[in-house]
Amino acid sequence: MKNIKNKMVLKLCFLASISIFLLSSCSDDSDSSSGKVEVSGISRSVVDDPLVDGDRQVDVPTEIINAGNYYIIRGSGFASLKSISFNGLESYFNPTMVTDNAIVVLVDQKTPYYNEMDEMKIVTNSGTYTFTIAVRPPNPNITGFPINPNPGDIITITGEYFLRPVVNFGDIAVQPISSTLTEIKVKVPNNIQYKSLSVTNVSGTTVAGQSLGSAIYDDAYTNLMSYNGLWRPATNHYDIAYDKDAKQGVKCINWTSGPDWDGLYIGIDKSKVDMSKYKGIRISIKGQKAGSVNAIINGNWGATASLKFGTSWTYFEILFAGVGSPTELTEVTFQETGGFGGNNLFIDDIGLVLK
């Protein structure tokens, strides 16, 4: 399976598609054209199945629009573009990525697709023009699932756009027991450890960011945790089942740190962690105020990672190579370091990251 976090490669492919767009769209014609709009073709800027290595393509002709993706609209009469919409919802376009012969547009993820008119509308100074194009939902959006399930468990996957879904545990495809647009129930197969869960709908595939069996905290502490607590519980508040604002699943940790750089520690059952499989620890954090924490692995203060976050969820990967390259994992400690008298921190999705 691909490294699904290789965002730089995807960005380069998108830039390559834009370069193709610019080269193929430039002409001696003035970009101030106000003639009738004609559409000669539509291409998706990047096509990539995350379950298949080596299949990434750019600037691929298509007759279907999948919301949430970049497209190149080719034709003529686009220079004075004022708006472009799909099924009645306007989508963003950068004016610098519009010529008389082409438009690069990010189709809004919330574009209606169910029982709609399959319509693209282009508005320029010369008028309003409508074209028929099939509009389909975005790729699935996975918002929660049990990260450490047991074979035979019936689990619930939550998210969006689960239209005729198929679930994969690694390379094992499993048909859902039941599904709606926002929820899938499925039975967990055997041999899932160190694999990734993915969901495929009518538009494409999304791979979850957490590998199966890797969670230390997932709505609750898992069996990878051996102990946990606070340095000074008398001056701290610690709710490990806060259900108002989770990043993954339905619960998170709500830690109100005291004024003196307090700490939260989590002991790890090292017998259950194969360090040869993992490259680091992941965690998502946000604060009532923007701030920072130190992450200390195995009490090694000489190899501390500083994590700076804001008031929205921020995802971090603490690579073992950057914190002393430990050969075993026994404890993770987070020390509040905002320097302004404590903070209210929300912590979620603590786990291990596959190599």
Foldseek 3Di string as FASTA:
>chain_A
DAPPPVVVVVVVLLVVLLVVLVVVQDDPDQQVDQDDWDWDFKFFQWDDARLDPPPIDGRHTDQEAEAQGKMKTFTFRCSQWDFKAFLPHTWDFDNVSDGRTITITHHHQPHDQPPTQQWMWIQGPNGIDIDHGHYAHHWWAWFAKQQADDQFDWIKTFTAQQALKWKDLAPRIWHFPDDDRTMTITGHHPDRALTWMWMGHPHHIDIDQHGRPWFCQGLHGDPQWDDKDKPDVVQKDWDANCQDDARYDGGWIKIWDFQPFIKIKTFGPQVSDQVVFFFFKKKKKEWPAWFWKWKAWPNQPVQIDIDTHGHDIDMDTDTCVRRPVDNTGTMIMITTDRNPGTTTMIMDRITTHGD
